[in-house]
Protein backbone atom coordinates (compact mmCIF):
# COMPACT_ATOMS: atom_id res chain seq x y z
CA MET A 1 1.08 -2.73 4.20
CA LEU A 2 4.75 -2.23 4.90
CA SER A 3 6.48 -4.67 7.23
CA LYS A 4 8.51 -3.53 10.23
CA ASN A 5 11.69 -4.70 8.50
CA GLN A 6 10.93 -2.64 5.40
CA ILE A 7 10.25 0.46 7.47
CA LYS A 8 13.41 -0.13 9.52
CA LEU A 9 15.58 -0.48 6.40
CA ILE A 10 14.17 2.59 4.66
CA THR A 11 14.33 4.89 7.69
CA SER A 12 17.88 3.73 8.46
CA LEU A 13 19.02 5.03 5.08
CA LYS A 14 18.71 8.58 6.40
CA GLN A 15 22.10 7.93 8.02
CA LYS A 16 25.32 7.70 6.04
CA LYS A 17 26.66 4.62 7.86
CA TYR A 18 23.58 2.57 6.92
CA ARG A 19 23.63 3.81 3.32
CA GLN A 20 27.21 2.58 3.11
CA GLN A 21 26.41 -0.66 4.93
CA HIS A 22 23.53 -1.58 2.62
CA GLY A 23 24.82 0.14 -0.53
CA LEU A 24 21.43 1.84 -0.94
CA PHE A 25 19.98 5.35 -0.89
CA VAL A 26 16.50 6.92 -0.95
CA VAL A 27 14.96 9.10 -3.66
CA GLU A 28 11.62 10.87 -3.27
CA GLY A 29 9.33 12.58 -5.75
CA ILE A 30 8.06 11.58 -9.18
CA LYS A 31 10.37 13.82 -11.21
CA THR A 32 13.62 12.82 -9.48
CA ILE A 33 12.71 9.13 -9.46
CA SER A 34 11.95 9.33 -13.20
CA GLU A 35 15.36 10.93 -13.83
CA LEU A 36 17.16 8.13 -12.01
CA LEU A 37 15.10 5.40 -13.69
CA ASN A 38 16.18 6.81 -17.06
CA SER A 39 19.85 6.62 -16.06
CA ASN A 40 22.28 3.79 -15.32
CA PHE A 41 21.34 3.83 -11.61
CA LEU A 42 19.82 0.52 -10.55
CA LEU A 43 16.42 0.45 -8.83
CA TYR A 44 16.11 -1.70 -5.69
CA GLU A 45 12.51 -1.05 -4.62
CA LEU A 46 9.79 1.48 -5.41
CA TYR A 47 6.87 2.46 -3.18
CA THR A 48 3.97 4.47 -4.58
CA THR A 49 0.52 5.55 -3.46
CA GLU A 50 -0.86 5.07 -6.99
CA PRO A 51 0.28 3.07 -10.05
CA PHE A 52 2.85 4.92 -12.14
CA ASN A 53 4.09 1.92 -14.15
CA PHE A 54 7.71 2.88 -13.55
CA ASP A 55 8.80 -0.71 -13.01
CA ALA A 56 5.94 -3.16 -12.53
CA LYS A 57 8.12 -5.86 -10.93
CA LYS A 58 9.51 -3.57 -8.23
CA GLU A 59 6.59 -1.18 -7.77
CA ILE A 60 4.84 -1.68 -4.43
CA LEU A 61 1.53 0.09 -3.80
CA ILE A 62 1.21 1.54 -0.29
CA SER A 63 -1.16 3.87 1.54
CA ASP A 64 -0.59 7.57 2.15
CA GLY A 65 -0.14 6.70 5.83
CA ASP A 66 2.61 4.21 5.07
CA LEU A 67 4.36 6.72 2.81
CA LYS A 68 4.38 9.22 5.68
CA LYS A 69 6.07 6.61 7.88
CA ILE A 70 8.99 6.15 5.50
CA SER A 71 9.28 9.61 3.94
CA PHE A 72 12.09 11.92 5.06
CA PHE A 73 10.01 14.99 4.19
CA ARG A 74 7.04 16.63 5.87
CA THR A 75 4.97 16.47 2.71
CA PRO A 76 5.62 13.18 0.85
CA ASN A 77 5.32 13.31 -2.94
CA LYS A 78 3.40 10.13 -3.91
CA ALA A 79 6.46 7.94 -4.38
CA LEU A 80 9.66 6.84 -2.67
CA ALA A 81 12.32 4.71 -4.32
CA ILE A 82 15.44 2.94 -3.12
CA PHE A 83 18.36 2.79 -5.53
CA LYS A 84 21.68 1.00 -5.35
CA ILE A 85 24.71 3.20 -4.79
CA PRO A 86 26.72 2.95 -8.05
CA ASP A 87 30.35 1.92 -8.22
CA LEU A 88 32.85 4.76 -8.34
CA LYS A 89 34.25 5.67 -11.74
CA PRO A 90 37.87 6.73 -12.23
CA ILE A 91 38.45 10.48 -12.26
CA GLU A 92 39.19 11.86 -15.71
CA ASN A 93 42.26 14.00 -15.07
CA GLU A 94 41.58 16.49 -17.85
CA GLY A 95 39.44 19.50 -18.66
CA LEU A 96 37.99 21.43 -15.74
CA ILE A 97 37.54 19.52 -12.47
CA LEU A 98 35.64 20.96 -9.52
CA ALA A 99 36.94 20.07 -6.04
CA LEU A 100 35.09 20.66 -2.77
CA ASP A 101 37.01 21.05 0.48
CA ASP A 102 34.73 20.24 3.43
CA VAL A 103 31.42 21.58 2.07
CA ARG A 104 28.90 20.55 4.70
CA ASP A 105 25.45 21.86 3.71
CA PRO A 106 23.32 19.35 1.74
CA GLY A 107 21.52 22.13 -0.14
CA ASN A 108 24.82 23.65 -1.25
CA LEU A 109 26.15 20.32 -2.48
CA GLY A 110 22.93 19.55 -4.34
CA THR A 111 23.03 22.94 -6.05
CA ILE A 112 26.71 22.50 -6.93
CA ILE A 113 25.97 19.11 -8.53
CA ARG A 114 23.26 20.79 -10.63
CA LEU A 115 25.74 23.50 -11.60
CA CYS A 116 28.24 20.88 -12.73
CA ASP A 117 25.54 19.31 -14.88
CA TRP A 118 24.57 22.73 -16.32
CA PHE A 119 28.12 23.79 -17.13
CA GLY A 120 29.27 20.38 -18.38
CA ILE A 121 31.66 19.62 -15.51
CA THR A 122 32.00 15.85 -15.67
CA ASN A 123 34.10 15.29 -12.55
CA LEU A 124 33.29 16.56 -9.06
CA VAL A 125 35.82 15.49 -6.44
CA CYS A 126 35.09 15.91 -2.75
CA SER A 127 37.12 15.71 0.42
CA LYS A 128 36.01 12.92 2.72
CA GLU A 129 34.64 15.55 5.11
CA THR A 130 32.21 16.89 2.49
CA VAL A 131 28.55 15.96 2.99
CA ASP A 132 27.54 12.62 1.43
CA CYS A 133 26.06 13.06 -2.05
CA PHE A 134 23.51 10.31 -1.28
CA ASN A 135 22.10 12.26 1.65
CA PRO A 136 18.32 12.54 0.96
CA LYS A 137 18.42 16.35 1.00
CA VAL A 138 21.31 16.39 -1.48
CA ILE A 139 19.53 13.96 -3.80
CA GLN A 140 16.34 16.03 -3.66
CA SER A 141 18.12 19.28 -4.51
CA THR A 142 20.07 17.77 -7.44
CA MET A 143 16.78 17.16 -9.32
CA GLY A 144 18.39 14.19 -11.11
CA SER A 145 21.67 15.88 -12.04
CA ILE A 146 23.57 13.40 -9.88
CA THR A 147 23.08 10.85 -12.66
CA ARG A 148 25.20 12.96 -15.03
CA VAL A 149 28.09 13.98 -12.77
CA ASN A 150 30.92 11.65 -11.73
CA MET A 151 31.19 12.01 -7.93
CA SER A 152 34.34 10.95 -6.07
CA TYR A 153 35.17 11.10 -2.36
CA ILE A 154 38.93 11.07 -1.97
CA ASP A 155 41.91 12.23 0.05
CA LEU A 156 41.83 15.67 -1.53
CA ASN A 157 45.30 16.55 -0.23
CA ASN A 158 46.91 13.58 -1.98
CA PHE A 159 44.89 14.10 -5.15
CA LEU A 160 46.08 17.68 -5.49
CA LYS A 161 49.67 16.73 -4.70
CA GLU A 162 49.70 14.17 -7.50
CA THR A 163 47.99 16.14 -10.27
CA ASP A 164 49.80 17.88 -13.13
CA LEU A 165 46.86 20.24 -13.71
CA PRO A 166 46.94 23.85 -12.47
CA ILE A 167 45.08 24.30 -9.17
CA TYR A 168 42.88 27.37 -8.69
CA GLY A 169 41.42 28.25 -5.30
CA ALA A 170 38.54 30.59 -4.49
CA PHE A 171 39.54 33.13 -1.83
CA MET A 172 38.39 36.50 -0.56
CA GLU A 173 41.76 37.88 -1.66
CA GLY A 174 43.16 36.82 -5.03
CA GLU A 175 43.34 37.73 -8.70
CA ASN A 176 40.14 39.21 -10.10
CA ILE A 177 38.39 36.37 -11.99
CA TYR A 178 37.08 38.85 -14.59
CA LYS A 179 40.61 39.92 -15.51
CA LYS A 180 42.13 36.45 -15.62
CA GLU A 181 42.77 34.75 -18.95
CA ASN A 182 43.59 31.18 -20.07
CA ILE A 183 41.68 29.30 -17.38
CA LYS A 184 39.79 26.71 -19.39
CA THR A 185 41.42 23.68 -17.76
CA GLY A 186 42.59 22.79 -14.28
CA ILE A 187 41.14 22.09 -10.85
CA LEU A 188 38.92 24.68 -9.17
CA VAL A 189 38.81 24.29 -5.37
CA MET A 190 35.87 25.64 -3.35
CA GLY A 191 36.06 25.73 0.44
CA ASN A 192 33.95 25.23 3.52
CA GLU A 193 30.94 27.52 4.07
CA ALA A 194 32.32 29.11 7.24
CA ASN A 195 36.10 28.71 7.01
CA GLY A 196 36.90 28.63 3.30
CA ILE A 197 39.72 26.45 1.96
CA SER A 198 41.68 24.64 4.69
CA GLU A 199 45.32 25.49 5.36
CA ASN A 200 46.76 22.22 4.00
CA ILE A 201 44.80 22.56 0.74
CA LYS A 202 45.61 26.28 0.52
CA ALA A 203 49.31 25.37 0.44
CA LEU A 204 48.74 23.33 -2.74
CA VAL A 205 46.85 26.03 -4.67
CA ASN A 206 48.85 27.47 -7.59
CA GLU A 207 46.66 30.50 -8.21
CA LYS A 208 44.27 32.30 -5.88
CA ILE A 209 41.23 33.82 -7.57
CA THR A 210 38.42 35.98 -6.25
CA ILE A 211 35.05 37.43 -7.25
CA PRO A 212 35.30 41.19 -6.69
CA ARG A 213 32.67 43.10 -4.76
CA PHE A 214 31.01 45.95 -6.67
CA GLY A 215 28.76 47.33 -3.93
CA ASP A 216 29.51 50.88 -2.79
CA LEU A 217 29.67 49.95 0.89
CA GLN A 218 31.72 46.75 0.39
CA ALA A 219 29.89 45.44 3.46
CA THR A 220 28.94 41.90 2.34
CA GLU A 221 31.20 39.47 4.15
CA SER A 222 31.17 36.65 1.59
CA LEU A 223 29.13 34.79 -1.01
CA ASN A 224 27.36 31.50 -0.45
CA VAL A 225 29.62 28.71 -1.74
CA ALA A 226 27.07 27.52 -4.33
CA THR A 227 26.56 31.08 -5.60
CA ALA A 228 30.31 31.61 -5.85
CA THR A 229 30.67 28.30 -7.67
CA ALA A 230 28.05 29.36 -10.22
CA ILE A 231 29.87 32.63 -10.95
CA LEU A 232 33.29 31.01 -11.24
CA LEU A 233 32.14 28.12 -13.44
CA SER A 234 30.38 30.57 -15.72
CA GLU A 235 33.55 32.61 -16.05
CA PHE A 236 35.76 29.55 -16.62
CA LYS A 237 33.44 28.37 -19.37
CA ARG A 238 33.10 31.82 -20.94
CA LYS A 239 36.86 32.00 -21.40
């Protein structure tokens, strides 16, 4: 049976301030836990409703009822693990870097992390306003890809001011991405879901790029930021 202190610690990790305070985050589901256990992420504790032999020393058997008490999801998936938040790695200022300016939706960030993994983008830099990558919903939607992408939360304005790399920004109005050449390296900036790239970051962008609309009515207002990221990364890599 779980103690009150264990339940209190685990449930507190739903909030960013407690994740930062304890240096811990929650992972749920057999597949995602397995991915993290096979990475350099360090396991803190593991709670399961049946033996999985992930890590015998840190595996704690609990009831389905106890799992429901600590799970952040309506339908718990047999196991919940707590991992230590890893130390930040230095940003490799080369190749193609993806930068997020105030992306707030956990599902979008999780999908973007998976896209970085798919397209071989090693470094993902985020403004401090961007949703925390250790948010449970983000972790769930990355499906383990977070272990293979270097995440950094920085002062994006200063980072862009100091870089020597070309800075591309995704806008509704800009150069057609399908007609643009020589874009293998640089920093690609994606903006907030509702407002796009902020004014101070916009001022630092060297080249504005856009995904053209092909529909006859031209009525679609915009693309989801994760969808737009997928298209742009694909085109960057193709060229």
